[in-house]
């Protein structure tokens, strides 16, 4: 496949991981502190992890700010999205706790 497809496959681990990205909302537990880095891009709390990852990849930014009621409440990096995805898969009803992406 194309390099982007290979990257995404390695990042999420499986088609199951891809499906989870689309249906997993961003929660406060997924956020990291921006640590003084400015977020050029923002996404609302509750948007999907897929939307956040797509924004990060399309714009080649290392950080996307997460807002609630127009206030910055935290940020996501690709690593933070991956951790949130692993949490989501582990907590999924009927899902196993197998690691996503190794």
Protein backbone atom coordinates (compact mmCIF):
# COMPACT_ATOMS: atom_id res chain seq x y z
CA UNK A 1 0.00 0.00 0.00
CA UNK A 2 0.87 3.65 -0.02
CA UNK A 3 3.28 4.89 2.67
CA UNK A 4 0.47 6.75 4.46
CA UNK A 5 -1.54 3.50 4.60
CA UNK A 6 1.48 1.62 5.96
CA UNK A 7 2.05 4.33 8.56
CA UNK A 8 -1.57 4.27 9.68
CA UNK A 9 -1.59 0.47 9.79
CA UNK A 10 1.53 0.43 11.98
CA UNK A 11 0.12 3.24 14.12
CA UNK A 12 -3.25 1.66 14.92
CA UNK A 13 -2.28 -1.97 14.40
CA UNK A 14 -5.34 -3.33 12.62
CA UNK A 15 -8.62 -2.56 10.91
CA UNK A 16 -10.19 -2.95 14.36
CA UNK A 17 -8.00 -0.06 15.53
CA UNK A 18 -9.07 2.03 12.53
CA UNK A 19 -12.73 1.41 13.32
CA UNK A 20 -12.17 2.36 16.98
CA UNK A 21 -10.58 5.68 15.92
CA UNK A 22 -13.80 6.68 14.17
CA UNK A 23 -16.10 5.91 17.10
CA UNK A 24 -13.97 6.96 20.06
CA UNK A 25 -14.60 10.50 21.31
CA UNK A 26 -11.79 12.60 22.77
CA UNK A 27 -12.16 12.79 26.55
CA UNK A 28 -10.40 14.91 29.17
CA UNK A 29 -8.51 11.78 30.27
CA UNK A 30 -6.87 11.64 26.82
CA UNK A 31 -5.47 15.16 26.95
CA UNK A 32 -1.96 16.30 27.71
CA UNK A 33 -0.81 19.73 28.88
CA UNK A 34 0.30 21.90 25.96
CA UNK A 35 3.50 22.71 27.94
CA UNK A 36 3.80 26.17 26.48
CA UNK A 37 3.57 24.94 22.88
CA UNK A 38 1.04 26.95 20.92
CA UNK A 39 -1.69 25.02 19.18
CA UNK A 40 -2.29 26.41 15.72
CA UNK A 41 -5.12 23.95 15.21
CA UNK A 42 -7.97 23.14 17.57
CA UNK A 43 -10.64 20.49 17.78
CA UNK A 44 -13.58 20.32 20.20
CA UNK A 45 -13.63 17.92 23.14
CA UNK A 46 -15.86 15.00 22.12
CA UNK A 47 -14.72 14.96 18.49
CA UNK A 48 -13.42 11.57 17.36
CA UNK A 49 -9.84 10.40 17.69
CA UNK A 50 -9.97 9.87 13.91
CA UNK A 51 -10.70 13.57 13.38
CA UNK A 52 -7.82 14.55 15.67
CA UNK A 53 -5.34 12.19 13.99
CA UNK A 54 -6.44 13.33 10.52
CA UNK A 55 -5.90 16.96 11.54
CA UNK A 56 -2.43 16.17 12.91
CA UNK A 57 -1.44 14.26 9.76
CA UNK A 58 -2.94 16.67 7.20
CA UNK A 59 -1.24 19.68 8.71
CA UNK A 60 2.01 18.04 9.83
CA UNK A 61 1.57 19.57 13.27
CA UNK A 62 2.90 17.82 16.35
CA UNK A 63 0.09 19.19 18.51
CA UNK A 64 -3.61 19.95 18.20
CA UNK A 65 -5.39 21.95 20.89
CA UNK A 66 -8.62 20.61 22.37
CA UNK A 67 -11.33 23.10 23.28
CA UNK A 68 -14.48 23.04 25.35
CA UNK A 69 -16.84 26.03 25.19
CA UNK A 70 -14.18 27.92 23.20
CA UNK A 71 -11.57 27.48 25.94
CA UNK A 72 -8.39 25.45 25.50
CA UNK A 73 -8.60 22.50 27.92
CA UNK A 74 -5.59 20.48 26.72
CA UNK A 75 -3.88 19.08 23.66
CA UNK A 76 -3.30 15.89 21.72
CA UNK A 77 -0.14 14.64 20.02
CA UNK A 78 0.08 11.53 17.85
CA UNK A 79 1.34 9.64 20.93
CA UNK A 80 -1.61 10.87 23.00
CA UNK A 81 -4.03 9.74 20.27
CA UNK A 82 -2.34 6.31 20.26
CA UNK A 83 -2.66 6.00 24.06
CA UNK A 84 -6.33 7.00 23.86
CA UNK A 85 -6.91 4.39 21.15
CA UNK A 86 -5.25 1.68 23.25
CA UNK A 87 -7.47 2.65 26.20
CA UNK A 88 -10.56 2.57 24.00
CA UNK A 89 -9.79 -0.88 22.60
CA UNK A 90 -9.02 -2.25 26.08
CA UNK A 91 -12.30 -0.85 27.45
CA UNK A 92 -14.44 -1.93 24.49
CA UNK A 93 -17.34 -4.22 25.40
CA UNK A 94 -16.46 -7.72 24.22
CA UNK A 95 -13.06 -6.45 23.11
CA UNK A 96 -9.88 -8.03 24.27
CA UNK A 97 -7.11 -6.12 25.95
CA UNK A 98 -4.56 -7.04 23.28
CA UNK A 99 -2.17 -4.20 22.57
CA UNK A 100 -2.96 -2.07 19.55
CA UNK A 101 0.02 -1.40 17.34
CA UNK A 102 2.34 -3.71 19.25
